[in-house]
Amino acid sequence: MKTSRTAGGIGRTVSLLGGETVVQAKVCNALDAHELLLRGLPVGALEHLASKAEVLKERDALNRAIGMSLTTLRRRKAKIAPPRLSVDQGSRCWRVAKIFAHAIDVIGSEEAAGAWMTKPAIGLENRKPVDLLATYPGMELVEQYLTQIEYGVYI
C-alpha cells in the first residue's frame, strides 16, 4: 500500500507543511492533525506548502484552494501574533498538502506531481487537477483519480 493513506502519508503531509518545527506540533495520526487544525495551523505552514508546490503560486491557485492569496497571507503574518489560519483555511491547506503528497507518491516526484496538477486529465473530463482544488467535491475527484492511477484503473 502506498504511504498516502498511512502514517507515512501523514508524515509526508506534515513535511510539505514544513515539518514539526513549522506546524509547532508532533503529528502522528489523524487525531493529532485534527487537534492541530483546531488550534490553528501556523501561517508559515501554508507558505512552506506554496514553496514546495509551485503550482499553487500560478494563476491564483492558492487563493482558490485555500481562500487566501499569498499577499493576504504575508499581510496576516505581519499583523497577527502568532499568525494562524482559521480552522477552515487550515483544513483546506491540510487537504491540499495531503493531495499533493498523494500525487508525489503516485507520479514520482514533487516536480512531476506539480506538472501533472497543471495538465488537463482525461479522467477529470479534461480539467486540470489544480483547478478542482477550489471545492471539497473537486478535491475528492482529484484524490479518487490519483487512486485510480495508483491502482491502474482508468475510466
N, C-alpha and C. Protein backbone atom coordinates (compact mmCIF):
# COMPACT_ATOMS: atom_id res chain seq x y z
N MET A 1 0.84 -1.19 0.00
CA MET A 1 0.00 0.00 0.00
C MET A 1 0.88 1.24 0.00
N LYS A 2 0.49 2.24 -0.75
CA LYS A 2 1.24 3.48 -0.82
C LYS A 2 1.13 4.23 0.52
N THR A 3 2.05 5.13 0.76
CA THR A 3 2.10 5.83 2.04
C THR A 3 1.06 6.93 2.17
N SER A 4 0.40 7.30 1.12
CA SER A 4 -0.51 8.45 1.18
C SER A 4 -1.69 8.22 2.10
N ARG A 5 -2.05 6.97 2.36
CA ARG A 5 -3.20 6.71 3.22
C ARG A 5 -2.79 6.07 4.54
N THR A 6 -1.51 6.12 4.85
CA THR A 6 -1.00 5.52 6.07
C THR A 6 -0.32 6.59 6.89
N ALA A 7 0.28 6.17 8.01
CA ALA A 7 1.02 7.12 8.84
C ALA A 7 2.11 7.82 8.03
N GLY A 8 2.71 7.12 7.06
CA GLY A 8 3.71 7.74 6.19
C GLY A 8 3.12 8.89 5.40
N GLY A 9 1.84 8.76 4.99
CA GLY A 9 1.16 9.84 4.27
C GLY A 9 1.02 11.07 5.14
N ILE A 10 0.73 10.86 6.42
CA ILE A 10 0.65 11.98 7.35
C ILE A 10 2.03 12.61 7.48
N GLY A 11 3.05 11.78 7.53
CA GLY A 11 4.42 12.31 7.62
C GLY A 11 4.78 13.16 6.42
N ARG A 12 4.42 12.71 5.21
CA ARG A 12 4.73 13.50 4.01
C ARG A 12 3.90 14.78 4.01
N THR A 13 2.65 14.69 4.44
CA THR A 13 1.79 15.89 4.50
C THR A 13 2.40 16.91 5.45
N VAL A 14 2.81 16.47 6.64
CA VAL A 14 3.44 17.38 7.61
C VAL A 14 4.73 17.94 7.03
N SER A 15 5.49 17.12 6.34
CA SER A 15 6.73 17.59 5.73
C SER A 15 6.46 18.68 4.70
N LEU A 16 5.43 18.51 3.89
CA LEU A 16 5.08 19.54 2.90
C LEU A 16 4.64 20.84 3.57
N LEU A 17 4.17 20.73 4.80
CA LEU A 17 3.75 21.91 5.56
C LEU A 17 4.89 22.49 6.40
N GLY A 18 6.10 21.93 6.25
CA GLY A 18 7.26 22.47 6.93
C GLY A 18 7.78 21.64 8.08
N GLY A 19 7.16 20.51 8.34
CA GLY A 19 7.61 19.64 9.43
C GLY A 19 7.13 20.11 10.79
N GLU A 20 7.53 19.36 11.80
CA GLU A 20 7.09 19.64 13.17
C GLU A 20 7.50 21.03 13.65
N THR A 21 8.64 21.51 13.18
CA THR A 21 9.11 22.83 13.60
C THR A 21 8.15 23.92 13.14
N VAL A 22 7.71 23.86 11.90
CA VAL A 22 6.82 24.89 11.36
C VAL A 22 5.40 24.72 11.88
N VAL A 23 4.88 23.48 11.90
CA VAL A 23 3.50 23.29 12.36
C VAL A 23 3.40 23.37 13.88
N GLN A 24 4.54 23.35 14.55
CA GLN A 24 4.63 23.51 16.00
C GLN A 24 3.88 22.41 16.76
N ALA A 25 3.96 21.19 16.22
CA ALA A 25 3.31 20.05 16.87
C ALA A 25 3.87 18.76 16.31
N LYS A 26 3.75 17.70 17.09
CA LYS A 26 4.08 16.36 16.62
C LYS A 26 2.76 15.76 16.12
N VAL A 27 2.73 15.41 14.84
CA VAL A 27 1.51 14.89 14.22
C VAL A 27 1.78 13.47 13.76
N CYS A 28 1.22 12.51 14.49
CA CYS A 28 1.45 11.09 14.18
C CYS A 28 0.24 10.41 13.57
N ASN A 29 -0.94 11.01 13.73
CA ASN A 29 -2.16 10.38 13.24
C ASN A 29 -3.22 11.45 12.96
N ALA A 30 -4.36 11.01 12.49
CA ALA A 30 -5.43 11.94 12.10
C ALA A 30 -5.95 12.75 13.30
N LEU A 31 -5.98 12.14 14.48
CA LEU A 31 -6.45 12.87 15.66
C LEU A 31 -5.48 14.01 16.01
N ASP A 32 -4.18 13.74 15.90
CA ASP A 32 -3.20 14.81 16.12
C ASP A 32 -3.41 15.94 15.11
N ALA A 33 -3.65 15.58 13.86
CA ALA A 33 -3.90 16.59 12.82
C ALA A 33 -5.15 17.40 13.15
N HIS A 34 -6.19 16.72 13.58
CA HIS A 34 -7.44 17.38 13.96
C HIS A 34 -7.18 18.42 15.06
N GLU A 35 -6.46 18.04 16.08
CA GLU A 35 -6.16 18.95 17.19
C GLU A 35 -5.32 20.14 16.72
N LEU A 36 -4.36 19.87 15.86
CA LEU A 36 -3.53 20.94 15.31
C LEU A 36 -4.40 21.95 14.55
N LEU A 37 -5.28 21.45 13.71
CA LEU A 37 -6.11 22.34 12.90
C LEU A 37 -7.09 23.13 13.75
N LEU A 38 -7.58 22.54 14.84
CA LEU A 38 -8.46 23.28 15.75
C LEU A 38 -7.72 24.43 16.44
N ARG A 39 -6.45 24.21 16.77
CA ARG A 39 -5.64 25.28 17.39
C ARG A 39 -5.29 26.37 16.39
N GLY A 40 -5.29 26.01 15.12
CA GLY A 40 -4.92 26.95 14.06
C GLY A 40 -3.56 26.60 13.49
N LEU A 41 -3.55 26.23 12.24
CA LEU A 41 -2.30 25.90 11.54
C LEU A 41 -1.50 27.19 11.38
N PRO A 42 -0.22 27.19 11.77
CA PRO A 42 0.59 28.40 11.59
C PRO A 42 0.64 28.81 10.12
N VAL A 43 0.62 30.10 9.88
CA VAL A 43 0.66 30.65 8.53
C VAL A 43 1.92 30.17 7.79
N GLY A 44 3.00 29.98 8.52
CA GLY A 44 4.24 29.50 7.92
C GLY A 44 4.09 28.16 7.22
N ALA A 45 3.15 27.34 7.69
CA ALA A 45 2.91 26.04 7.05
C ALA A 45 2.38 26.23 5.64
N LEU A 46 1.50 27.18 5.46
CA LEU A 46 0.96 27.46 4.13
C LEU A 46 2.04 28.04 3.22
N GLU A 47 2.88 28.90 3.78
CA GLU A 47 3.99 29.45 3.00
C GLU A 47 4.93 28.32 2.55
N HIS A 48 5.20 27.39 3.45
CA HIS A 48 6.08 26.28 3.11
C HIS A 48 5.46 25.42 2.02
N LEU A 49 4.16 25.13 2.14
CA LEU A 49 3.47 24.35 1.11
C LEU A 49 3.56 25.04 -0.24
N ALA A 50 3.33 26.35 -0.26
CA ALA A 50 3.40 27.10 -1.52
C ALA A 50 4.81 27.06 -2.11
N SER A 51 5.82 27.00 -1.25
CA SER A 51 7.20 26.93 -1.77
C SER A 51 7.51 25.55 -2.33
N LYS A 52 6.87 24.51 -1.81
CA LYS A 52 7.09 23.14 -2.28
C LYS A 52 6.23 22.82 -3.49
N ALA A 53 5.02 23.34 -3.51
CA ALA A 53 4.08 23.09 -4.60
C ALA A 53 3.95 24.37 -5.41
N GLU A 54 4.93 24.60 -6.27
CA GLU A 54 4.98 25.83 -7.07
C GLU A 54 3.67 26.06 -7.83
N VAL A 55 2.97 24.98 -8.14
CA VAL A 55 1.72 25.08 -8.88
C VAL A 55 0.71 25.96 -8.14
N LEU A 56 0.82 26.06 -6.82
CA LEU A 56 -0.12 26.87 -6.05
C LEU A 56 0.12 28.37 -6.22
N LYS A 57 1.28 28.74 -6.76
CA LYS A 57 1.57 30.15 -6.99
C LYS A 57 1.04 30.64 -8.33
N GLU A 58 0.64 29.71 -9.17
CA GLU A 58 0.21 30.07 -10.52
C GLU A 58 -1.27 30.43 -10.56
N ARG A 59 -1.58 31.44 -11.34
CA ARG A 59 -2.95 31.83 -11.66
C ARG A 59 -3.89 31.84 -10.45
N ASP A 60 -3.43 32.33 -9.34
CA ASP A 60 -4.27 32.49 -8.16
C ASP A 60 -4.80 31.16 -7.62
N ALA A 61 -4.07 30.08 -7.88
CA ALA A 61 -4.50 28.75 -7.43
C ALA A 61 -4.58 28.67 -5.91
N LEU A 62 -3.66 29.31 -5.21
CA LEU A 62 -3.66 29.28 -3.74
C LEU A 62 -4.92 29.95 -3.20
N ASN A 63 -5.28 31.07 -3.76
CA ASN A 63 -6.49 31.77 -3.31
C ASN A 63 -7.73 30.90 -3.50
N ARG A 64 -7.81 30.22 -4.64
CA ARG A 64 -8.98 29.37 -4.89
C ARG A 64 -8.97 28.14 -3.99
N ALA A 65 -7.81 27.55 -3.77
CA ALA A 65 -7.73 26.31 -3.00
C ALA A 65 -7.86 26.53 -1.49
N ILE A 66 -7.27 27.60 -0.99
CA ILE A 66 -7.21 27.83 0.45
C ILE A 66 -8.15 28.95 0.89
N GLY A 67 -8.44 29.86 -0.02
CA GLY A 67 -9.26 31.01 0.35
C GLY A 67 -8.43 32.19 0.81
N MET A 68 -7.14 32.20 0.41
CA MET A 68 -6.26 33.29 0.81
C MET A 68 -5.14 33.42 -0.21
N SER A 69 -4.90 34.64 -0.67
CA SER A 69 -3.80 34.87 -1.61
C SER A 69 -2.48 34.96 -0.84
N LEU A 70 -1.37 34.85 -1.57
CA LEU A 70 -0.06 34.98 -0.93
C LEU A 70 0.13 36.38 -0.34
N THR A 71 -0.41 37.40 -1.00
CA THR A 71 -0.31 38.76 -0.48
C THR A 71 -1.03 38.88 0.86
N THR A 72 -2.25 38.37 0.93
CA THR A 72 -3.02 38.40 2.18
C THR A 72 -2.32 37.58 3.24
N LEU A 73 -1.78 36.45 2.85
CA LEU A 73 -1.06 35.58 3.77
C LEU A 73 0.10 36.34 4.42
N ARG A 74 0.88 37.03 3.63
CA ARG A 74 2.03 37.77 4.16
C ARG A 74 1.58 38.95 5.03
N ARG A 75 0.50 39.60 4.63
CA ARG A 75 -0.03 40.72 5.42
C ARG A 75 -0.50 40.21 6.78
N ARG A 76 -1.20 39.07 6.78
CA ARG A 76 -1.70 38.49 8.03
C ARG A 76 -0.54 38.09 8.93
N LYS A 77 0.49 37.54 8.34
CA LYS A 77 1.65 37.10 9.13
C LYS A 77 2.29 38.29 9.84
N ALA A 78 2.32 39.44 9.17
CA ALA A 78 2.94 40.63 9.75
C ALA A 78 2.09 41.24 10.87
N LYS A 79 0.77 41.05 10.84
CA LYS A 79 -0.13 41.71 11.78
C LYS A 79 -0.51 40.86 13.00
N ILE A 80 -0.62 39.58 12.82
CA ILE A 80 -1.16 38.72 13.87
C ILE A 80 -0.03 37.95 14.54
N ALA A 81 -0.05 37.94 15.88
CA ALA A 81 0.95 37.17 16.61
C ALA A 81 0.26 36.22 17.58
N PRO A 82 0.47 34.95 17.51
CA PRO A 82 1.14 34.25 16.43
C PRO A 82 0.20 34.11 15.25
N PRO A 83 0.72 34.25 14.03
CA PRO A 83 -0.15 34.18 12.86
C PRO A 83 -0.62 32.75 12.59
N ARG A 84 -1.92 32.56 12.60
CA ARG A 84 -2.51 31.24 12.39
C ARG A 84 -3.66 31.35 11.40
N LEU A 85 -3.89 30.25 10.69
CA LEU A 85 -5.02 30.18 9.77
C LEU A 85 -6.29 29.84 10.55
N SER A 86 -7.42 30.20 9.99
CA SER A 86 -8.69 29.78 10.59
C SER A 86 -8.80 28.26 10.47
N VAL A 87 -9.72 27.67 11.20
CA VAL A 87 -9.91 26.22 11.13
C VAL A 87 -10.23 25.81 9.69
N ASP A 88 -11.09 26.57 9.02
CA ASP A 88 -11.45 26.24 7.64
C ASP A 88 -10.24 26.35 6.71
N GLN A 89 -9.50 27.44 6.81
CA GLN A 89 -8.34 27.61 5.94
C GLN A 89 -7.27 26.56 6.24
N GLY A 90 -7.06 26.26 7.51
CA GLY A 90 -6.09 25.24 7.89
C GLY A 90 -6.49 23.87 7.38
N SER A 91 -7.79 23.57 7.46
CA SER A 91 -8.29 22.28 6.96
C SER A 91 -8.11 22.16 5.46
N ARG A 92 -8.38 23.24 4.75
CA ARG A 92 -8.21 23.23 3.30
C ARG A 92 -6.72 23.10 2.95
N CYS A 93 -5.88 23.79 3.69
CA CYS A 93 -4.44 23.71 3.48
C CYS A 93 -3.96 22.28 3.72
N TRP A 94 -4.42 21.66 4.80
CA TRP A 94 -4.04 20.27 5.10
C TRP A 94 -4.45 19.35 3.96
N ARG A 95 -5.67 19.53 3.48
CA ARG A 95 -6.18 18.65 2.43
C ARG A 95 -5.40 18.83 1.12
N VAL A 96 -5.07 20.06 0.78
CA VAL A 96 -4.27 20.31 -0.42
C VAL A 96 -2.90 19.66 -0.26
N ALA A 97 -2.29 19.79 0.91
CA ALA A 97 -0.99 19.16 1.16
C ALA A 97 -1.11 17.64 1.06
N LYS A 98 -2.20 17.09 1.57
CA LYS A 98 -2.42 15.64 1.51
C LYS A 98 -2.57 15.17 0.06
N ILE A 99 -3.31 15.93 -0.73
CA ILE A 99 -3.47 15.58 -2.15
C ILE A 99 -2.14 15.68 -2.87
N PHE A 100 -1.38 16.73 -2.60
CA PHE A 100 -0.08 16.88 -3.25
C PHE A 100 0.85 15.75 -2.83
N ALA A 101 0.81 15.34 -1.56
CA ALA A 101 1.62 14.21 -1.09
C ALA A 101 1.23 12.94 -1.84
N HIS A 102 -0.08 12.74 -2.03
CA HIS A 102 -0.56 11.56 -2.77
C HIS A 102 -0.06 11.62 -4.21
N ALA A 103 -0.13 12.79 -4.81
CA ALA A 103 0.34 12.95 -6.19
C ALA A 103 1.84 12.65 -6.29
N ILE A 104 2.61 13.08 -5.32
CA ILE A 104 4.05 12.79 -5.32
C ILE A 104 4.27 11.28 -5.26
N ASP A 105 3.52 10.61 -4.37
CA ASP A 105 3.65 9.15 -4.25
C ASP A 105 3.31 8.45 -5.56
N VAL A 106 2.25 8.91 -6.22
CA VAL A 106 1.78 8.23 -7.43
C VAL A 106 2.60 8.62 -8.66
N ILE A 107 2.89 9.90 -8.80
CA ILE A 107 3.56 10.40 -10.01
C ILE A 107 5.08 10.25 -9.91
N GLY A 108 5.64 10.38 -8.71
CA GLY A 108 7.05 10.07 -8.56
C GLY A 108 7.95 11.14 -7.97
N SER A 109 7.63 12.42 -8.13
CA SER A 109 8.46 13.48 -7.57
C SER A 109 7.63 14.74 -7.42
N GLU A 110 8.15 15.70 -6.63
CA GLU A 110 7.44 16.97 -6.46
C GLU A 110 7.27 17.68 -7.80
N GLU A 111 8.32 17.69 -8.60
CA GLU A 111 8.28 18.39 -9.88
C GLU A 111 7.26 17.73 -10.82
N ALA A 112 7.31 16.41 -10.90
CA ALA A 112 6.39 15.70 -11.79
C ALA A 112 4.95 15.83 -11.29
N ALA A 113 4.75 15.80 -9.99
CA ALA A 113 3.40 15.96 -9.43
C ALA A 113 2.87 17.36 -9.73
N GLY A 114 3.73 18.36 -9.58
CA GLY A 114 3.32 19.73 -9.89
C GLY A 114 2.94 19.89 -11.35
N ALA A 115 3.73 19.29 -12.23
CA ALA A 115 3.42 19.35 -13.66
C ALA A 115 2.11 18.62 -13.95
N TRP A 116 1.91 17.46 -13.32
CA TRP A 116 0.66 16.69 -13.52
C TRP A 116 -0.55 17.52 -13.10
N MET A 117 -0.41 18.27 -12.01
CA MET A 117 -1.53 19.07 -11.48
C MET A 117 -1.98 20.15 -12.46
N THR A 118 -1.11 20.55 -13.38
CA THR A 118 -1.44 21.66 -14.28
C THR A 118 -1.88 21.22 -15.67
N LYS A 119 -1.94 19.91 -15.90
CA LYS A 119 -2.32 19.41 -17.22
C LYS A 119 -3.73 18.85 -17.21
N PRO A 120 -4.51 19.11 -18.25
CA PRO A 120 -5.85 18.52 -18.31
C PRO A 120 -5.77 16.99 -18.24
N ALA A 121 -6.67 16.40 -17.44
CA ALA A 121 -6.68 14.95 -17.25
C ALA A 121 -7.95 14.35 -17.83
N ILE A 122 -7.79 13.33 -18.65
CA ILE A 122 -8.95 12.68 -19.28
C ILE A 122 -9.94 12.20 -18.23
N GLY A 123 -9.43 11.60 -17.14
CA GLY A 123 -10.30 11.08 -16.08
C GLY A 123 -11.00 12.15 -15.27
N LEU A 124 -10.64 13.41 -15.50
CA LEU A 124 -11.30 14.54 -14.83
C LEU A 124 -12.01 15.41 -15.86
N GLU A 125 -12.46 14.77 -16.92
CA GLU A 125 -13.17 15.44 -18.03
C GLU A 125 -12.35 16.60 -18.58
N ASN A 126 -11.05 16.35 -18.77
CA ASN A 126 -10.10 17.30 -19.33
C ASN A 126 -9.96 18.58 -18.50
N ARG A 127 -10.18 18.46 -17.23
CA ARG A 127 -9.93 19.58 -16.31
C ARG A 127 -8.58 19.39 -15.65
N LYS A 128 -7.97 20.49 -15.29
CA LYS A 128 -6.68 20.43 -14.60
C LYS A 128 -6.93 20.14 -13.13
N PRO A 129 -6.20 19.20 -12.55
CA PRO A 129 -6.40 18.89 -11.13
C PRO A 129 -6.31 20.12 -10.23
N VAL A 130 -5.37 21.03 -10.50
CA VAL A 130 -5.22 22.22 -9.66
C VAL A 130 -6.49 23.07 -9.65
N ASP A 131 -7.22 23.09 -10.76
CA ASP A 131 -8.44 23.88 -10.83
C ASP A 131 -9.57 23.28 -10.01
N LEU A 132 -9.48 22.00 -9.71
CA LEU A 132 -10.52 21.33 -8.93
C LEU A 132 -10.31 21.47 -7.43
N LEU A 133 -9.18 22.02 -7.01
CA LEU A 133 -8.89 22.16 -5.59
C LEU A 133 -9.70 23.25 -4.91
N ALA A 134 -10.49 23.99 -5.65
CA ALA A 134 -11.26 25.10 -5.09
C ALA A 134 -12.44 24.63 -4.24
N THR A 135 -12.89 23.38 -4.42
CA THR A 135 -14.02 22.87 -3.64
C THR A 135 -13.70 21.49 -3.10
N TYR A 136 -14.40 21.11 -2.03
CA TYR A 136 -14.19 19.78 -1.47
C TYR A 136 -14.58 18.67 -2.46
N PRO A 137 -15.71 18.80 -3.17
CA PRO A 137 -16.01 17.76 -4.17
C PRO A 137 -14.92 17.66 -5.24
N GLY A 138 -14.36 18.79 -5.64
CA GLY A 138 -13.28 18.77 -6.62
C GLY A 138 -12.05 18.08 -6.05
N MET A 139 -11.74 18.36 -4.79
CA MET A 139 -10.61 17.71 -4.14
C MET A 139 -10.82 16.20 -4.09
N GLU A 140 -12.05 15.79 -3.81
CA GLU A 140 -12.37 14.35 -3.77
C GLU A 140 -12.16 13.72 -5.14
N LEU A 141 -12.55 14.42 -6.19
CA LEU A 141 -12.35 13.91 -7.54
C LEU A 141 -10.87 13.70 -7.85
N VAL A 142 -10.05 14.66 -7.45
CA VAL A 142 -8.61 14.54 -7.69
C VAL A 142 -8.05 13.36 -6.89
N GLU A 143 -8.46 13.24 -5.63
CA GLU A 143 -7.99 12.11 -4.81
C GLU A 143 -8.41 10.77 -5.41
N GLN A 144 -9.65 10.68 -5.86
CA GLN A 144 -10.14 9.45 -6.47
C GLN A 144 -9.37 9.13 -7.75
N TYR A 145 -9.11 10.14 -8.54
CA TYR A 145 -8.39 9.93 -9.79
C TYR A 145 -6.96 9.47 -9.52
N LEU A 146 -6.31 10.06 -8.52
CA LEU A 146 -4.97 9.62 -8.15
C LEU A 146 -4.98 8.16 -7.70
N THR A 147 -5.99 7.77 -6.96
CA THR A 147 -6.11 6.37 -6.51
C THR A 147 -6.31 5.45 -7.71
N GLN A 148 -7.10 5.89 -8.69
CA GLN A 148 -7.29 5.09 -9.89
C GLN A 148 -5.97 4.92 -10.64
N ILE A 149 -5.21 5.99 -10.75
CA ILE A 149 -3.91 5.91 -11.42
C ILE A 149 -2.99 4.97 -10.63
N GLU A 150 -3.00 5.12 -9.32
CA GLU A 150 -2.15 4.32 -8.44
C GLU A 150 -2.39 2.83 -8.63
N TYR A 151 -3.65 2.45 -8.80
CA TYR A 151 -4.00 1.04 -8.93
C TYR A 151 -4.23 0.60 -10.36
N GLY A 152 -3.94 1.48 -11.32
CA GLY A 152 -4.05 1.10 -12.72
C GLY A 152 -5.47 1.00 -13.24
N VAL A 153 -6.40 1.71 -12.59
CA VAL A 153 -7.81 1.67 -13.01
C VAL A 153 -8.10 3.00 -13.70
N TYR A 154 -8.25 2.95 -15.01
CA TYR A 154 -8.52 4.17 -15.78
C TYR A 154 -9.93 4.10 -16.31
N ILE A 155 -10.69 5.16 -16.09
CA ILE A 155 -12.05 5.21 -16.65
C ILE A 155 -12.20 6.42 -17.53
